[in-house]
Amino acid sequence: VAGARLGAWAWDEVVPYLRAAGHGAHPLTLSGLADKRGVPA
C-alpha cells in the first residue's frame, strides 16, 4: 500500500522481484485514489 496520492501502480517495479522469489504480491489502491478516484473515503 503506497502513500498519499499514489495507487497500486507505484509498486510496478517492486512486484516482479517478489514474484520471482516465489511469493505472492498484491499491490492495492486505496479508495479515492488512482483507479479508484471518486470513491468516497
PDB file of all heavy atoms in Angstrom:
ATOM      1  N   VAL A   1       0.847  -1.187   0.000  1.00  0.00           N
ATOM      2  CA  VAL A   1       0.000   0.000   0.000  1.00  0.00           C
ATOM      3  C   VAL A   1       0.888   1.244   0.000  1.00  0.00           C
ATOM      4  O   VAL A   1       1.640   1.489   0.946  1.00  0.00           O
ATOM      5  CB  VAL A   1      -0.932   0.030   1.233  1.00  0.00           C
ATOM      6  CG1 VAL A   1      -2.005   1.095   1.041  1.00  0.00           C
ATOM      7  CG2 VAL A   1      -1.576  -1.337   1.475  1.00  0.00           C
ATOM      8  N   ALA A   2       0.810   2.011  -1.070  1.00  0.00           N
ATOM      9  CA  ALA A   2       1.646   3.201  -1.208  1.00  0.00           C
ATOM     10  C   ALA A   2       1.042   4.390  -0.470  1.00  0.00           C
ATOM     11  O   ALA A   2      -0.109   4.357  -0.022  1.00  0.00           O
ATOM     12  CB  ALA A   2       1.836   3.537  -2.689  1.00  0.00           C
ATOM     13  N   GLY A   3       1.827   5.449  -0.369  1.00  0.00           N
ATOM     14  CA  GLY A   3       1.438   6.607   0.424  1.00  0.00           C
ATOM     15  C   GLY A   3       0.457   7.545  -0.242  1.00  0.00           C
ATOM     16  O   GLY A   3      -0.155   7.218  -1.270  1.00  0.00           O
ATOM     17  N   ALA A   4       0.305   8.705   0.340  1.00  0.00           N
ATOM     18  CA  ALA A   4      -0.673   9.695  -0.116  1.00  0.00           C
ATOM     19  C   ALA A   4      -0.507   9.996  -1.603  1.00  0.00           C
ATOM     20  O   ALA A   4       0.608  10.089  -2.122  1.00  0.00           O
ATOM     21  CB  ALA A   4      -0.524  10.982   0.687  1.00  0.00           C
ATOM     22  N   ARG A   5      -1.639  10.093  -2.274  1.00  0.00           N
ATOM     23  CA  ARG A   5      -1.733  10.495  -3.688  1.00  0.00           C
ATOM     24  C   ARG A   5      -1.357   9.390  -4.671  1.00  0.00           C
ATOM     25  O   ARG A   5      -1.463   9.574  -5.876  1.00  0.00           O
ATOM     26  CB  ARG A   5      -0.885  11.739  -3.976  1.00  0.00           C
ATOM     27  CG  ARG A   5      -1.097  12.911  -3.022  1.00  0.00           C
ATOM     28  CD  ARG A   5      -0.246  14.106  -3.440  1.00  0.00           C
ATOM     29  NE  ARG A   5      -0.407  15.248  -2.548  1.00  0.00           N
ATOM     30  CZ  ARG A   5       0.409  15.513  -1.536  1.00  0.00           C
ATOM     31  NH1 ARG A   5       1.451  14.715  -1.292  1.00  0.00           N
ATOM     32  NH2 ARG A   5       0.212  16.573  -0.777  1.00  0.00           N
ATOM     33  N   LEU A   6      -0.907   8.248  -4.166  1.00  0.00           N
ATOM     34  CA  LEU A   6      -0.424   7.168  -5.033  1.00  0.00           C
ATOM     35  C   LEU A   6      -1.396   5.997  -5.045  1.00  0.00           C
ATOM     36  O   LEU A   6      -2.306   5.910  -4.228  1.00  0.00           O
ATOM     37  CB  LEU A   6       0.948   6.697  -4.561  1.00  0.00           C
ATOM     38  CG  LEU A   6       2.039   7.763  -4.452  1.00  0.00           C
ATOM     39  CD1 LEU A   6       3.314   7.181  -3.858  1.00  0.00           C
ATOM     40  CD2 LEU A   6       2.315   8.397  -5.821  1.00  0.00           C
ATOM     41  N   GLY A   7      -1.177   5.075  -5.994  1.00  0.00           N
ATOM     42  CA  GLY A   7      -2.008   3.890  -6.097  1.00  0.00           C
ATOM     43  C   GLY A   7      -1.172   2.638  -6.248  1.00  0.00           C
ATOM     44  O   GLY A   7       0.064   2.671  -6.099  1.00  0.00           O
ATOM     45  N   ALA A   8      -1.818   1.539  -6.623  1.00  0.00           N
ATOM     46  CA  ALA A   8      -1.129   0.262  -6.781  1.00  0.00           C
ATOM     47  C   ALA A   8       0.010   0.350  -7.791  1.00  0.00           C
ATOM     48  O   ALA A   8       1.022  -0.342  -7.671  1.00  0.00           O
ATOM     49  CB  ALA A   8      -2.132  -0.807  -7.208  1.00  0.00           C
ATOM     50  N   TRP A   9      -0.134   1.218  -8.771  1.00  0.00           N
ATOM     51  CA  TRP A   9       0.872   1.373  -9.824  1.00  0.00           C
ATOM     52  C   TRP A   9       2.255   1.728  -9.269  1.00  0.00           C
ATOM     53  O   TRP A   9       3.274   1.449  -9.916  1.00  0.00           O
ATOM     54  CB  TRP A   9       0.429   2.459 -10.811  1.00  0.00           C
ATOM     55  CG  TRP A   9       0.300   3.822 -10.180  1.00  0.00           C
ATOM     56  CD1 TRP A   9      -0.805   4.340  -9.563  1.00  0.00           C
ATOM     57  CD2 TRP A   9       1.319   4.812 -10.080  1.00  0.00           C
ATOM     58  NE1 TRP A   9      -0.540   5.593  -9.080  1.00  0.00           N
ATOM     59  CE2 TRP A   9       0.761   5.909  -9.388  1.00  0.00           C
ATOM     60  CE3 TRP A   9       2.643   4.879 -10.499  1.00  0.00           C
ATOM     61  CZ2 TRP A   9       1.486   7.076  -9.115  1.00  0.00           C
ATOM     62  CZ3 TRP A   9       3.366   6.032 -10.225  1.00  0.00           C
ATOM     63  CH2 TRP A   9       2.783   7.115  -9.543  1.00  0.00           C
ATOM     64  N   ALA A  10       2.311   2.324  -8.101  1.00  0.00           N
ATOM     65  CA  ALA A  10       3.590   2.759  -7.532  1.00  0.00           C
ATOM     66  C   ALA A  10       4.525   1.590  -7.250  1.00  0.00           C
ATOM     67  O   ALA A  10       5.741   1.776  -7.107  1.00  0.00           O
ATOM     68  CB  ALA A  10       3.360   3.561  -6.251  1.00  0.00           C
ATOM     69  N   TRP A  11       3.988   0.373  -7.179  1.00  0.00           N
ATOM     70  CA  TRP A  11       4.789  -0.818  -6.856  1.00  0.00           C
ATOM     71  C   TRP A  11       5.196  -1.613  -8.083  1.00  0.00           C
ATOM     72  O   TRP A  11       5.722  -2.724  -7.960  1.00  0.00           O
ATOM     73  CB  TRP A  11       4.000  -1.713  -5.897  1.00  0.00           C
ATOM     74  CG  TRP A  11       3.605  -1.040  -4.625  1.00  0.00           C
ATOM     75  CD1 TRP A  11       2.385  -0.537  -4.308  1.00  0.00           C
ATOM     76  CD2 TRP A  11       4.443  -0.778  -3.487  1.00  0.00           C
ATOM     77  NE1 TRP A  11       2.404   0.022  -3.048  1.00  0.00           N
ATOM     78  CE2 TRP A  11       3.659  -0.115  -2.526  1.00  0.00           C
ATOM     79  CE3 TRP A  11       5.784  -1.050  -3.199  1.00  0.00           C
ATOM     80  CZ2 TRP A  11       4.169   0.284  -1.287  1.00  0.00           C
ATOM     81  CZ3 TRP A  11       6.293  -0.653  -1.969  1.00  0.00           C
ATOM     82  CH2 TRP A  11       5.479   0.009  -1.027  1.00  0.00           C
ATOM     83  N   ASP A  12       4.972  -1.078  -9.267  1.00  0.00           N
ATOM     84  CA  ASP A  12       5.199  -1.838 -10.502  1.00  0.00           C
ATOM     85  C   ASP A  12       6.615  -2.400 -10.619  1.00  0.00           C
ATOM     86  O   ASP A  12       6.808  -3.475 -11.209  1.00  0.00           O
ATOM     87  CB  ASP A  12       4.901  -0.970 -11.727  1.00  0.00           C
ATOM     88  CG  ASP A  12       3.405  -0.790 -11.969  1.00  0.00           C
ATOM     89  OD1 ASP A  12       2.601  -1.424 -11.262  1.00  0.00           O
ATOM     90  OD2 ASP A  12       3.044   0.004 -12.875  1.00  0.00           O
ATOM     91  N   GLU A  13       7.606  -1.687 -10.104  1.00  0.00           N
ATOM     92  CA  GLU A  13       8.981  -2.162 -10.238  1.00  0.00           C
ATOM     93  C   GLU A  13       9.426  -3.048  -9.079  1.00  0.00           C
ATOM     94  O   GLU A  13      10.487  -3.675  -9.147  1.00  0.00           O
ATOM     95  CB  GLU A  13       9.930  -0.966 -10.377  1.00  0.00           C
ATOM     96  CG  GLU A  13       9.733  -0.189 -11.667  1.00  0.00           C
ATOM     97  CD  GLU A  13      10.682   0.978 -11.779  1.00  0.00           C
ATOM     98  OE1 GLU A  13      11.904   0.777 -11.621  1.00  0.00           O
ATOM     99  OE2 GLU A  13      10.205   2.106 -12.014  1.00  0.00           O
ATOM    100  N   VAL A  14       8.642  -3.106  -8.019  1.00  0.00           N
ATOM    101  CA  VAL A  14       8.957  -3.952  -6.862  1.00  0.00           C
ATOM    102  C   VAL A  14       8.337  -5.334  -7.009  1.00  0.00           C
ATOM    103  O   VAL A  14       8.965  -6.354  -6.695  1.00  0.00           O
ATOM    104  CB  VAL A  14       8.468  -3.286  -5.561  1.00  0.00           C
ATOM    105  CG1 VAL A  14       8.657  -4.208  -4.362  1.00  0.00           C
ATOM    106  CG2 VAL A  14       9.192  -1.955  -5.335  1.00  0.00           C
ATOM    107  N   VAL A  15       7.108  -5.378  -7.511  1.00  0.00           N
ATOM    108  CA  VAL A  15       6.346  -6.623  -7.604  1.00  0.00           C
ATOM    109  C   VAL A  15       7.099  -7.748  -8.322  1.00  0.00           C
ATOM    110  O   VAL A  15       7.111  -8.898  -7.840  1.00  0.00           O
ATOM    111  CB  VAL A  15       4.972  -6.355  -8.265  1.00  0.00           C
ATOM    112  CG1 VAL A  15       4.315  -7.647  -8.732  1.00  0.00           C
ATOM    113  CG2 VAL A  15       4.052  -5.630  -7.287  1.00  0.00           C
ATOM    114  N   PRO A  16       7.753  -7.492  -9.474  1.00  0.00           N
ATOM    115  CA  PRO A  16       8.423  -8.600 -10.164  1.00  0.00           C
ATOM    116  C   PRO A  16       9.490  -9.302  -9.329  1.00  0.00           C
ATOM    117  O   PRO A  16       9.658 -10.522  -9.440  1.00  0.00           O
ATOM    118  CB  PRO A  16       9.038  -7.921 -11.399  1.00  0.00           C
ATOM    119  CG  PRO A  16       8.187  -6.720 -11.641  1.00  0.00           C
ATOM    120  CD  PRO A  16       7.811  -6.247 -10.282  1.00  0.00           C
ATOM    121  N   TYR A  17      10.209  -8.565  -8.489  1.00  0.00           N
ATOM    122  CA  TYR A  17      11.235  -9.181  -7.639  1.00  0.00           C
ATOM    123  C   TYR A  17      10.611 -10.122  -6.618  1.00  0.00           C
ATOM    124  O   TYR A  17      11.147 -11.198  -6.328  1.00  0.00           O
ATOM    125  CB  TYR A  17      12.048  -8.105  -6.921  1.00  0.00           C
ATOM    126  CG  TYR A  17      12.910  -7.266  -7.826  1.00  0.00           C
ATOM    127  CD1 TYR A  17      12.590  -5.941  -8.089  1.00  0.00           C
ATOM    128  CD2 TYR A  17      14.063  -7.789  -8.413  1.00  0.00           C
ATOM    129  CE1 TYR A  17      13.380  -5.155  -8.921  1.00  0.00           C
ATOM    130  CE2 TYR A  17      14.864  -7.016  -9.243  1.00  0.00           C
ATOM    131  CZ  TYR A  17      14.522  -5.697  -9.489  1.00  0.00           C
ATOM    132  OH  TYR A  17      15.299  -4.935 -10.309  1.00  0.00           O
ATOM    133  N   LEU A  18       9.472  -9.720  -6.058  1.00  0.00           N
ATOM    134  CA  LEU A  18       8.802 -10.553  -5.059  1.00  0.00           C
ATOM    135  C   LEU A  18       8.242 -11.822  -5.692  1.00  0.00           C
ATOM    136  O   LEU A  18       8.377 -12.920  -5.145  1.00  0.00           O
ATOM    137  CB  LEU A  18       7.688  -9.753  -4.380  1.00  0.00           C
ATOM    138  CG  LEU A  18       8.112  -8.457  -3.679  1.00  0.00           C
ATOM    139  CD1 LEU A  18       6.888  -7.737  -3.131  1.00  0.00           C
ATOM    140  CD2 LEU A  18       9.112  -8.732  -2.570  1.00  0.00           C
ATOM    141  N   ARG A  19       7.635 -11.682  -6.851  1.00  0.00           N
ATOM    142  CA  ARG A  19       7.052 -12.843  -7.531  1.00  0.00           C
ATOM    143  C   ARG A  19       8.140 -13.775  -8.053  1.00  0.00           C
ATOM    144  O   ARG A  19       7.970 -15.001  -8.032  1.00  0.00           O
ATOM    145  CB  ARG A  19       6.132 -12.373  -8.648  1.00  0.00           C
ATOM    146  CG  ARG A  19       4.865 -11.706  -8.097  1.00  0.00           C
ATOM    147  CD  ARG A  19       3.925 -11.218  -9.165  1.00  0.00           C
ATOM    148  NE  ARG A  19       2.698 -10.671  -8.554  1.00  0.00           N
ATOM    149  CZ  ARG A  19       1.845  -9.876  -9.191  1.00  0.00           C
ATOM    150  NH1 ARG A  19       2.065  -9.534 -10.462  1.00  0.00           N
ATOM    151  NH2 ARG A  19       0.780  -9.418  -8.569  1.00  0.00           N
ATOM    152  N   ALA A  20       9.270 -13.210  -8.495  1.00  0.00           N
ATOM    153  CA  ALA A  20      10.375 -14.050  -8.971  1.00  0.00           C
ATOM    154  C   ALA A  20      10.947 -14.901  -7.852  1.00  0.00           C
ATOM    155  O   ALA A  20      11.498 -15.980  -8.100  1.00  0.00           O
ATOM    156  CB  ALA A  20      11.471 -13.168  -9.579  1.00  0.00           C
ATOM    157  N   ALA A  21      10.798 -14.431  -6.616  1.00  0.00           N
ATOM    158  CA  ALA A  21      11.274 -15.188  -5.451  1.00  0.00           C
ATOM    159  C   ALA A  21      10.235 -16.205  -4.969  1.00  0.00           C
ATOM    160  O   ALA A  21      10.446 -16.870  -3.951  1.00  0.00           O
ATOM    161  CB  ALA A  21      11.635 -14.230  -4.322  1.00  0.00           C
ATOM    162  N   GLY A  22       9.123 -16.298  -5.675  1.00  0.00           N
ATOM    163  CA  GLY A  22       8.129 -17.322  -5.361  1.00  0.00           C
ATOM    164  C   GLY A  22       7.019 -16.889  -4.420  1.00  0.00           C
ATOM    165  O   GLY A  22       6.269 -17.737  -3.925  1.00  0.00           O
ATOM    166  N   HIS A  23       6.893 -15.589  -4.203  1.00  0.00           N
ATOM    167  CA  HIS A  23       5.885 -15.086  -3.263  1.00  0.00           C
ATOM    168  C   HIS A  23       4.716 -14.430  -3.992  1.00  0.00           C
ATOM    169  O   HIS A  23       4.823 -14.061  -5.162  1.00  0.00           O
ATOM    170  CB  HIS A  23       6.520 -14.079  -2.304  1.00  0.00           C
ATOM    171  CG  HIS A  23       7.629 -14.661  -1.481  1.00  0.00           C
ATOM    172  ND1 HIS A  23       7.409 -15.545  -0.450  1.00  0.00           N
ATOM    173  CD2 HIS A  23       8.978 -14.510  -1.556  1.00  0.00           C
ATOM    174  CE1 HIS A  23       8.569 -15.907   0.087  1.00  0.00           C
ATOM    175  NE2 HIS A  23       9.534 -15.296  -0.574  1.00  0.00           N
ATOM    176  N   GLY A  24       3.624 -14.265  -3.273  1.00  0.00           N
ATOM    177  CA  GLY A  24       2.504 -13.506  -3.805  1.00  0.00           C
ATOM    178  C   GLY A  24       2.723 -12.022  -3.570  1.00  0.00           C
ATOM    179  O   GLY A  24       3.245 -11.631  -2.528  1.00  0.00           O
ATOM    180  N   ALA A  25       2.337 -11.216  -4.529  1.00  0.00           N
ATOM    181  CA  ALA A  25       2.464  -9.757  -4.399  1.00  0.00           C
ATOM    182  C   ALA A  25       1.165  -9.112  -4.853  1.00  0.00           C
ATOM    183  O   ALA A  25       0.720  -9.330  -5.989  1.00  0.00           O
ATOM    184  CB  ALA A  25       3.638  -9.243  -5.221  1.00  0.00           C
ATOM    185  N   HIS A  26       0.564  -8.350  -3.968  1.00  0.00           N
ATOM    186  CA  HIS A  26      -0.770  -7.801  -4.209  1.00  0.00           C
ATOM    187  C   HIS A  26      -0.769  -6.291  -3.944  1.00  0.00           C
ATOM    188  O   HIS A  26      -1.117  -5.846  -2.846  1.00  0.00           O
ATOM    189  CB  HIS A  26      -1.788  -8.504  -3.308  1.00  0.00           C
ATOM    190  CG  HIS A  26      -1.713  -9.998  -3.370  1.00  0.00           C
ATOM    191  ND1 HIS A  26      -2.300 -10.731  -4.371  1.00  0.00           N
ATOM    192  CD2 HIS A  26      -1.072 -10.894  -2.566  1.00  0.00           C
ATOM    193  CE1 HIS A  26      -2.042 -12.015  -4.182  1.00  0.00           C
ATOM    194  NE2 HIS A  26      -1.307 -12.139  -3.093  1.00  0.00           N
ATOM    195  N   PRO A  27      -0.364  -5.496  -4.933  1.00  0.00           N
ATOM    196  CA  PRO A  27      -0.416  -4.042  -4.762  1.00  0.00           C
ATOM    197  C   PRO A  27      -1.861  -3.575  -4.696  1.00  0.00           C
ATOM    198  O   PRO A  27      -2.721  -4.077  -5.442  1.00  0.00           O
ATOM    199  CB  PRO A  27       0.305  -3.514  -6.007  1.00  0.00           C
ATOM    200  CG  PRO A  27       0.160  -4.594  -7.021  1.00  0.00           C
ATOM    201  CD  PRO A  27       0.145  -5.884  -6.255  1.00  0.00           C
ATOM    202  N   LEU A  28      -2.138  -2.628  -3.812  1.00  0.00           N
ATOM    203  CA  LEU A  28      -3.520  -2.227  -3.542  1.00  0.00           C
ATOM    204  C   LEU A  28      -3.681  -0.717  -3.693  1.00  0.00           C
ATOM    205  O   LEU A  28      -2.878   0.051  -3.157  1.00  0.00           O
ATOM    206  CB  LEU A  28      -3.896  -2.655  -2.115  1.00  0.00           C
ATOM    207  CG  LEU A  28      -5.261  -2.224  -1.588  1.00  0.00           C
ATOM    208  CD1 LEU A  28      -6.380  -2.867  -2.396  1.00  0.00           C
ATOM    209  CD2 LEU A  28      -5.394  -2.602  -0.110  1.00  0.00           C
ATOM    210  N   THR A  29      -4.707  -0.320  -4.411  1.00  0.00           N
ATOM    211  CA  THR A  29      -5.098   1.087  -4.470  1.00  0.00           C
ATOM    212  C   THR A  29      -6.177   1.342  -3.431  1.00  0.00           C
ATOM    213  O   THR A  29      -7.190   0.628  -3.391  1.00  0.00           O
ATOM    214  CB  THR A  29      -5.629   1.460  -5.859  1.00  0.00           C
ATOM    215  OG1 THR A  29      -4.582   1.334  -6.825  1.00  0.00           O
ATOM    216  CG2 THR A  29      -6.145   2.901  -5.879  1.00  0.00           C
ATOM    217  N   LEU A  30      -5.982   2.331  -2.597  1.00  0.00           N
ATOM    218  CA  LEU A  30      -6.980   2.697  -1.595  1.00  0.00           C
ATOM    219  C   LEU A  30      -8.103   3.520  -2.222  1.00  0.00           C
ATOM    220  O   LEU A  30      -7.912   4.192  -3.237  1.00  0.00           O
ATOM    221  CB  LEU A  30      -6.318   3.496  -0.471  1.00  0.00           C
ATOM    222  CG  LEU A  30      -5.243   2.759   0.340  1.00  0.00           C
ATOM    223  CD1 LEU A  30      -4.582   3.714   1.319  1.00  0.00           C
ATOM    224  CD2 LEU A  30      -5.828   1.550   1.075  1.00  0.00           C
ATOM    225  N   SER A  31      -9.267   3.478  -1.593  1.00  0.00           N
ATOM    226  CA  SER A  31     -10.436   4.198  -2.094  1.00  0.00           C
ATOM    227  C   SER A  31     -10.145   5.693  -2.264  1.00  0.00           C
ATOM    228  O   SER A  31      -9.499   6.318  -1.423  1.00  0.00           O
ATOM    229  CB  SER A  31     -11.614   4.025  -1.131  1.00  0.00           C
ATOM    230  OG  SER A  31     -12.033   2.668  -1.090  1.00  0.00           O
ATOM    231  N   GLY A  32     -10.618   6.230  -3.386  1.00  0.00           N
ATOM    232  CA  GLY A  32     -10.482   7.657  -3.647  1.00  0.00           C
ATOM    233  C   GLY A  32      -9.237   8.048  -4.405  1.00  0.00           C
ATOM    234  O   GLY A  32      -9.055   9.224  -4.728  1.00  0.00           O
ATOM    235  N   LEU A  33      -8.364   7.071  -4.695  1.00  0.00           N
ATOM    236  CA  LEU A  33      -7.085   7.366  -5.332  1.00  0.00           C
ATOM    237  C   LEU A  33      -6.927   6.601  -6.649  1.00  0.00           C
ATOM    238  O   LEU A  33      -7.538   5.562  -6.852  1.00  0.00           O
ATOM    239  CB  LEU A  33      -5.935   6.982  -4.393  1.00  0.00           C
ATOM    240  CG  LEU A  33      -5.874   7.769  -3.090  1.00  0.00           C
ATOM    241  CD1 LEU A  33      -5.020   7.046  -2.066  1.00  0.00           C
ATOM    242  CD2 LEU A  33      -5.326   9.167  -3.355  1.00  0.00           C
ATOM    243  N   ALA A  34      -6.081   7.137  -7.529  1.00  0.00           N
ATOM    244  CA  ALA A  34      -5.688   6.462  -8.775  1.00  0.00           C
ATOM    245  C   ALA A  34      -6.911   5.886  -9.486  1.00  0.00           C
ATOM    246  O   ALA A  34      -7.857   6.623  -9.795  1.00  0.00           O
ATOM    247  CB  ALA A  34      -4.632   5.411  -8.485  1.00  0.00           C
ATOM    248  N   ASP A  35      -6.907   4.571  -9.741  1.00  0.00           N
ATOM    249  CA  ASP A  35      -8.013   3.938 -10.458  1.00  0.00           C
ATOM    250  C   ASP A  35      -9.299   3.866  -9.638  1.00  0.00           C
ATOM    251  O   ASP A  35     -10.351   3.482 -10.168  1.00  0.00           O
ATOM    252  CB  ASP A  35      -7.612   2.533 -10.919  1.00  0.00           C
ATOM    253  CG  ASP A  35      -7.028   1.686  -9.807  1.00  0.00           C
ATOM    254  OD1 ASP A  35      -5.983   2.071  -9.266  1.00  0.00           O
ATOM    255  OD2 ASP A  35      -7.607   0.634  -9.487  1.00  0.00           O
ATOM    256  N   LYS A  36      -9.241   4.248  -8.358  1.00  0.00           N
ATOM    257  CA  LYS A  36     -10.446   4.304  -7.522  1.00  0.00           C
ATOM    258  C   LYS A  36     -10.815   5.758  -7.191  1.00  0.00           C
ATOM    259  O   LYS A  36     -11.540   6.024  -6.233  1.00  0.00           O
ATOM    260  CB  LYS A  36     -10.237   3.512  -6.228  1.00  0.00           C
ATOM    261  CG  LYS A  36     -10.061   2.017  -6.463  1.00  0.00           C
ATOM    262  CD  LYS A  36      -9.876   1.279  -5.148  1.00  0.00           C
ATOM    263  CE  LYS A  36      -9.659  -0.211  -5.383  1.00  0.00           C
ATOM    264  NZ  LYS A  36      -9.383  -0.936  -4.109  1.00  0.00           N
ATOM    265  N   ARG A  37     -10.327   6.666  -8.008  1.00  0.00           N
ATOM    266  CA  ARG A  37     -10.639   8.085  -7.807  1.00  0.00           C
ATOM    267  C   ARG A  37     -12.148   8.283  -7.914  1.00  0.00           C
ATOM    268  O   ARG A  37     -12.812   7.722  -8.776  1.00  0.00           O
ATOM    269  CB  ARG A  37      -9.926   8.925  -8.863  1.00  0.00           C
ATOM    270  CG  ARG A  37     -10.011  10.415  -8.615  1.00  0.00           C
ATOM    271  CD  ARG A  37      -9.105  11.175  -9.564  1.00  0.00           C
ATOM    272  NE  ARG A  37      -9.146  12.609  -9.304  1.00  0.00           N
ATOM    273  CZ  ARG A  37      -8.402  13.504  -9.946  1.00  0.00           C
ATOM    274  NH1 ARG A  37      -7.561  13.106 -10.893  1.00  0.00           N
ATOM    275  NH2 ARG A  37      -8.487  14.795  -9.653  1.00  0.00           N
ATOM    276  N   GLY A  38     -12.686   9.081  -7.000  1.00  0.00           N
ATOM    277  CA  GLY A  38     -14.119   9.335  -6.989  1.00  0.00           C
ATOM    278  C   GLY A  38     -14.870   8.477  -5.987  1.00  0.00           C
ATOM    279  O   GLY A  38     -16.021   8.774  -5.649  1.00  0.00           O
ATOM    280  N   VAL A  39     -14.224   7.416  -5.482  1.00  0.00           N
ATOM    281  CA  VAL A  39     -14.858   6.578  -4.458  1.00  0.00           C
ATOM    282  C   VAL A  39     -14.736   7.287  -3.113  1.00  0.00           C
ATOM    283  O   VAL A  39     -13.632   7.661  -2.700  1.00  0.00           O
ATOM    284  CB  VAL A  39     -14.181   5.195  -4.389  1.00  0.00           C
ATOM    285  CG1 VAL A  39     -14.790   4.351  -3.271  1.00  0.00           C
ATOM    286  CG2 VAL A  39     -14.294   4.484  -5.729  1.00  0.00           C
ATOM    287  N   PRO A  40     -15.830   7.522  -2.402  1.00  0.00           N
ATOM    288  CA  PRO A  40     -15.754   8.219  -1.106  1.00  0.00           C
ATOM    289  C   PRO A  40     -14.863   7.459  -0.125  1.00  0.00           C
ATOM    290  O   PRO A  40     -14.868   6.226  -0.088  1.00  0.00           O
ATOM    291  CB  PRO A  40     -17.209   8.230  -0.624  1.00  0.00           C
ATOM    292  CG  PRO A  40     -18.033   8.054  -1.853  1.00  0.00           C
ATOM    293  CD  PRO A  40     -17.223   7.175  -2.764  1.00  0.00           C
ATOM    294  N   ALA A  41     -14.099   8.200   0.656  1.00  0.00           N
ATOM    295  CA  ALA A  41     -13.175   7.539   1.585  1.00  0.00           C
ATOM    296  C   ALA A  41     -12.980   8.349   2.850  1.00  0.00           C
ATOM    297  O   ALA A  41     -12.810   9.562   2.807  1.00  0.00           O
ATOM    298  CB  ALA A  41     -11.827   7.310   0.908  1.00  0.00           C
TER     299      ALA A  41
END
